[in-house]
Protein backbone atom coordinates (compact mmCIF):
# COMPACT_ATOMS: atom_id res chain seq x y z
CA MET A 1 -39.47 10.49 125.25
CA ARG A 2 -40.89 6.93 125.26
CA LEU A 3 -42.05 7.47 128.83
CA LEU A 4 -43.96 10.62 127.82
CA GLN A 5 -45.53 8.85 124.83
CA TYR A 6 -46.55 5.98 127.08
CA ALA A 7 -48.13 8.38 129.63
CA ALA A 8 -50.04 10.20 126.89
CA ALA A 9 -51.35 6.90 125.54
CA VAL A 10 -52.54 5.85 128.99
CA ALA A 11 -54.30 9.18 129.56
CA THR A 12 -56.07 8.97 126.19
CA ALA A 13 -57.18 5.42 126.85
CA SER A 14 -58.50 6.38 130.30
CA CYS A 15 -60.55 9.28 128.89
CA LEU A 16 -61.95 7.00 126.17
CA ALA A 17 -62.88 4.35 128.72
CA MET A 18 -64.64 6.91 130.90
CA GLY A 19 -66.59 8.20 127.93
CA ILE A 20 -67.71 4.69 126.96
CA ALA A 21 -68.55 3.65 130.54
CA ALA A 22 -70.54 6.77 131.45
CA PRO A 23 -74.28 6.09 131.06
CA ALA A 24 -76.23 8.51 128.85
CA PRO A 25 -78.64 10.63 130.97
CA SER A 26 -82.34 10.20 130.34
CA GLU A 27 -84.30 13.10 128.90
CA ALA A 28 -85.76 13.87 132.32
CA GLU A 29 -82.34 13.78 133.95
CA GLY A 30 -80.90 16.03 131.26
CA SER A 31 -83.66 18.60 131.82
CA SER A 32 -83.20 18.50 135.58
CA GLY A 33 -79.44 18.83 135.27
CA SER A 34 -79.83 21.78 132.92
CA SER A 35 -82.16 23.57 135.39
CA ALA A 36 -79.80 22.94 138.27
CA SER A 37 -76.92 24.26 136.20
CA LEU A 38 -78.87 27.42 135.37
CA VAL A 39 -79.71 28.02 139.05
CA LYS A 40 -76.06 27.50 139.97
CA ARG A 41 -74.93 30.03 137.36
CA VAL A 42 -77.41 32.61 138.70
CA GLU A 43 -76.20 31.96 142.26
CA ASP A 44 -72.59 32.23 141.17
CA LYS A 45 -73.29 35.63 139.56
CA SER A 46 -74.91 36.96 142.73
CA LYS A 47 -71.80 36.03 144.70
CA ASN A 48 -69.91 38.62 142.69
CA LYS A 49 -72.35 41.41 143.61
CA TYR A 50 -70.81 43.99 145.93
CA PHE A 51 -73.81 46.11 146.93
CA HIS A 52 -76.90 44.34 148.23
CA GLU A 53 -80.46 45.55 148.76
CA PRO A 54 -83.30 44.01 150.83
CA GLY A 55 -85.41 43.56 147.67
CA GLY A 56 -85.53 44.20 143.96
CA ASP A 57 -88.61 46.40 143.43
CA ASP A 58 -88.77 50.21 143.23
CA ILE A 59 -89.06 50.51 147.01
CA MET A 60 -86.91 47.76 148.53
CA GLY A 61 -84.29 48.08 145.81
CA HIS A 62 -83.34 51.56 146.99
CA TYR A 63 -81.92 50.68 150.40
CA ASP A 64 -78.50 49.34 151.30
CA ILE A 65 -79.24 46.14 153.21
CA ARG A 66 -76.54 46.78 155.82
CA TYR A 67 -78.39 49.81 157.20
CA PHE A 68 -81.99 48.91 156.34
CA LYS A 69 -84.33 49.03 159.34
CA GLY A 70 -87.63 49.30 157.49
CA VAL A 71 -89.28 51.35 154.74
CA VAL A 72 -89.41 55.05 155.61
CA ASP A 73 -92.41 57.24 154.87
CA TYR A 74 -92.55 59.91 152.18
CA ASP A 75 -91.54 62.78 154.47
CA GLU A 76 -88.51 60.97 155.90
CA ARG A 77 -87.45 59.84 152.45
CA THR A 78 -87.61 63.40 151.11
CA ASP A 79 -85.73 64.77 154.13
CA THR A 80 -83.10 62.04 153.84
CA LEU A 81 -82.45 62.53 150.13
CA THR A 82 -82.40 66.32 150.40
CA HIS A 83 -79.72 66.47 153.09
CA MET A 84 -77.85 63.54 151.57
CA ILE A 85 -77.32 65.25 148.19
CA ARG A 86 -76.34 68.49 149.93
CA ALA A 87 -73.73 66.65 151.99
CA TYR A 88 -72.47 64.78 148.93
CA LEU A 89 -72.09 67.87 146.73
CA ASN A 90 -70.42 69.82 149.54
CA PHE A 91 -67.97 66.96 150.16
CA PHE A 92 -66.90 66.81 146.53
CA ARG A 93 -66.55 70.58 146.24
CA GLU A 94 -64.57 70.90 149.47
CA ASN A 95 -62.17 68.17 148.33
CA GLY A 96 -61.74 69.53 144.80
CA LEU A 97 -63.40 66.53 143.15
CA ASP A 98 -65.57 66.67 140.05
CA THR A 99 -69.00 65.09 140.10
CA TRP A 100 -72.25 65.94 138.35
CA ILE A 101 -75.90 65.01 138.71
CA ALA A 102 -77.40 62.56 136.21
CA HIS A 103 -80.50 60.70 135.01
CA GLY A 104 -83.70 61.47 136.96
CA THR A 105 -81.79 63.78 139.28
CA LEU A 106 -80.73 65.88 136.30
CA LEU A 107 -84.32 65.90 135.07
CA GLY A 108 -85.46 67.22 138.45
CA TRP A 109 -82.84 69.96 138.18
CA TRP A 110 -84.22 70.87 134.73
CA TRP A 111 -87.68 71.50 136.14
CA ASN A 112 -86.98 73.38 139.37
CA GLY A 113 -83.51 72.63 140.69
CA LYS A 114 -84.90 70.03 143.08
CA MET A 115 -85.65 66.31 143.29
CA LEU A 116 -88.62 64.86 141.46
CA PRO A 117 -91.30 64.04 144.07
CA TRP A 118 -91.42 60.35 143.11
CA ASP A 119 -87.67 59.69 143.08
CA TRP A 120 -86.38 57.01 145.46
CA ASP A 121 -82.69 57.76 145.04
CA VAL A 122 -80.21 60.27 143.66
CA ASP A 123 -77.91 59.60 140.70
CA THR A 124 -74.51 61.14 140.14
CA GLN A 125 -71.58 60.48 137.84
CA VAL A 126 -67.81 60.88 138.03
CA SER A 127 -64.95 60.29 135.64
CA GLY A 128 -63.07 57.00 135.81
CA ALA A 129 -60.03 58.84 137.14
CA THR A 130 -62.04 60.42 139.97
CA LEU A 131 -63.61 57.05 140.74
CA HIS A 132 -60.22 55.42 141.25
CA HIS A 133 -59.08 58.37 143.37
CA LEU A 134 -62.13 57.88 145.59
CA GLY A 135 -61.22 54.22 145.94
CA GLU A 136 -57.63 54.98 146.88
CA LYS A 137 -58.20 57.87 149.30
CA TYR A 138 -61.80 57.97 150.52
CA ASN A 139 -63.13 54.42 150.38
CA GLN A 140 -64.98 53.29 153.54
CA THR A 141 -64.83 56.75 155.07
CA TYR A 142 -67.58 58.15 157.28
CA ASN A 143 -68.40 61.78 156.55
CA HIS A 144 -70.10 64.10 159.00
CA TYR A 145 -72.62 66.69 157.87
CA VAL A 146 -74.24 69.64 159.60
CA SER A 147 -76.95 71.60 157.81
CA GLU A 148 -76.49 75.30 157.18
CA ASP A 149 -78.85 76.19 160.03
CA GLY A 150 -77.11 73.73 162.36
CA LYS A 151 -80.31 71.81 163.09
CA VAL A 152 -79.56 68.62 161.13
CA LYS A 153 -76.56 66.39 161.82
CA ARG A 154 -75.97 63.25 159.79
CA GLU A 155 -73.25 60.75 158.94
CA TYR A 156 -72.67 59.15 155.54
CA LEU A 157 -70.57 56.21 154.38
CA LEU A 158 -68.70 56.58 151.09
CA ASP A 159 -68.36 52.98 149.90
CA VAL A 160 -66.49 52.21 146.67
CA ASN A 161 -67.18 48.94 144.87
CA SER A 162 -64.12 46.67 144.74
CA TRP A 163 -65.00 45.92 141.10
CA ILE A 164 -64.24 49.45 139.86
CA TRP A 165 -61.26 48.07 137.94
CA GLU A 166 -63.75 46.39 135.58
CA ARG A 167 -64.99 49.14 133.27
CA GLU A 168 -67.18 46.93 131.07
CA ARG A 169 -70.58 45.61 132.20
CA GLY A 170 -69.27 42.13 132.97
CA ASP A 171 -71.95 39.90 134.51
CA GLY A 172 -74.13 42.93 135.33
CA MET A 173 -73.83 42.50 139.09
CA ASN A 174 -71.70 45.60 139.69
CA ILE A 175 -72.94 48.38 137.43
CA ILE A 176 -72.97 50.77 140.41
CA ASP A 177 -69.41 51.84 141.19
CA ALA A 178 -69.88 53.54 144.56
CA ARG A 179 -72.51 54.73 146.99
CA TRP A 180 -72.98 57.56 149.45
CA ILE A 181 -75.14 55.96 152.14
CA ASP A 182 -77.18 57.44 154.98
CA ILE A 183 -76.31 55.02 157.77
CA ARG A 184 -79.51 55.85 159.69
CA ASN A 185 -81.83 54.09 157.22
CA GLY A 186 -79.84 52.79 154.23
CA LEU A 187 -81.06 55.20 151.55
CA TYR A 188 -78.23 56.10 149.20
CA ILE A 189 -76.84 58.03 146.26
CA ASP A 190 -75.70 55.91 143.32
CA ILE A 191 -72.30 56.94 141.93
CA THR A 192 -71.32 55.64 138.49
CA GLY A 193 -68.04 56.18 136.72
CA LEU A 194 -67.69 57.05 133.05
CA SER A 195 -64.69 55.71 131.18
CA GLU A 196 -63.32 55.94 127.68
CA THR A 197 -63.26 52.15 127.34
CA HIS A 198 -62.20 51.97 123.69
CA PRO A 199 -60.05 55.04 122.98
CA ASP A 200 -58.67 53.53 119.76
CA ALA A 201 -61.93 52.39 118.16
CA ALA A 202 -64.23 55.01 119.75
CA PRO A 203 -62.18 57.99 120.94
CA GLY A 204 -64.07 60.58 122.97
CA VAL A 205 -66.93 58.19 123.85
CA TRP A 206 -67.52 57.76 127.58
CA VAL A 207 -69.62 54.90 128.90
CA CYS A 208 -70.87 53.51 132.19
CA LYS A 209 -71.54 49.85 132.93
CA ASN A 210 -75.25 50.34 132.21
CA TYR A 211 -74.69 51.23 128.55
CA HIS A 212 -75.19 55.00 128.85
CA ARG A 213 -72.90 56.67 126.31
CA TYR A 214 -71.73 60.25 126.07
CA ARG A 215 -69.32 62.19 123.93
CA THR A 216 -66.71 64.38 125.60
CA SER A 217 -68.52 67.45 124.25
CA ASP A 218 -71.76 66.27 125.94
CA LEU A 219 -70.10 66.36 129.36
CA TYR A 220 -67.39 68.99 129.31
CA PRO A 221 -66.89 71.70 130.25
CA LEU A 222 -69.17 71.07 133.23
CA ARG A 223 -71.61 73.87 134.04
CA GLU A 224 -72.02 75.42 137.49
CA SER A 225 -75.55 75.53 138.86
CA VAL A 226 -77.58 74.97 142.04
CA TYR A 227 -79.41 71.82 143.13
CA GLU A 228 -81.40 71.52 146.33
CA GLY A 229 -79.95 74.82 147.51
CA VAL A 230 -76.24 74.01 147.11
CA LEU A 231 -73.71 74.46 144.32
CA ALA A 232 -73.77 71.61 141.82
CA LYS A 233 -72.27 70.72 138.47
CA ILE A 234 -74.24 69.55 135.45
CA PRO A 235 -73.10 68.20 132.08
CA TYR A 236 -72.52 70.77 129.36
CA ALA A 237 -75.12 69.46 126.87
CA TYR A 238 -77.74 68.68 129.53
CA ASP A 239 -80.70 69.23 127.16
CA LYS A 240 -79.31 66.80 124.58
CA ILE A 241 -78.59 64.21 127.28
CA LEU A 242 -82.08 64.49 128.80
CA THR A 243 -83.81 64.31 125.42
CA GLU A 244 -81.88 61.19 124.42
CA GLU A 245 -82.63 59.47 127.74
CA TYR A 246 -86.23 60.56 128.36
CA GLN A 247 -87.42 62.00 125.02
CA GLN A 248 -88.54 65.56 124.40
CA LYS A 249 -91.86 65.14 126.20
CA ALA A 250 -90.07 64.81 129.56
CA LEU A 251 -88.95 68.43 129.19
CA VAL A 252 -92.38 69.85 128.41
CA LEU A 253 -95.14 67.72 129.95
CA THR A 254 -96.16 69.14 133.33
CA SER A 255 -97.96 66.04 134.64
CA TYR A 256 -96.53 62.62 135.48
CA GLU A 257 -97.92 59.80 137.64
CA GLY A 258 -100.82 62.05 138.57
């Protein structure tokens, strides 16, 4: 016991001596140290990011950097996204997996069952249970696609983020849970999982890591429809969801961005 007390006393004295001996940083040094610390924290956050893009703007932020070879033109982008969503929806249907279109993709469906002309990517959602099933069975799989007329052949990577176990936003670096990627050019479909993160305090409320919230009755039962010429599922209360996300004018105004 005396030995432990003696060791504790020595440790305390050492800490006190270090505190007294350490010189106080000048104001300039304190500012510089604070900036360096902030940069380090930002760098540390980026190390946690699973998916990476060649840039952060509306154009460069919509490619997976592993397969990026340069910005594609409008026609190639449209062709890529059209066949990509067809392949994705067919894959989920053929494997008995639930997924539904979301965000701007759902808005495009509302207008004419197709993509909005200015969209750079496609957004879909899955339940948390489906997300984990994708991670266990289909992660890192390459999926072959042949168009209905047999003229288009493509290959897509289904890549599931290793951070899917974290169902809260966390540091914000991994809000996208999975991607369906065209390996020819890096364009992709964003897949986000919805989870009932607080079933005790907020039962029946499903959220993604980007703070989109839905009630069970908003999503289920899913409706059957058609998107880009193939069978697709949409959330049950699609009009309510679209109005809350984009306001009523998005469902009636016939002109946008010229």
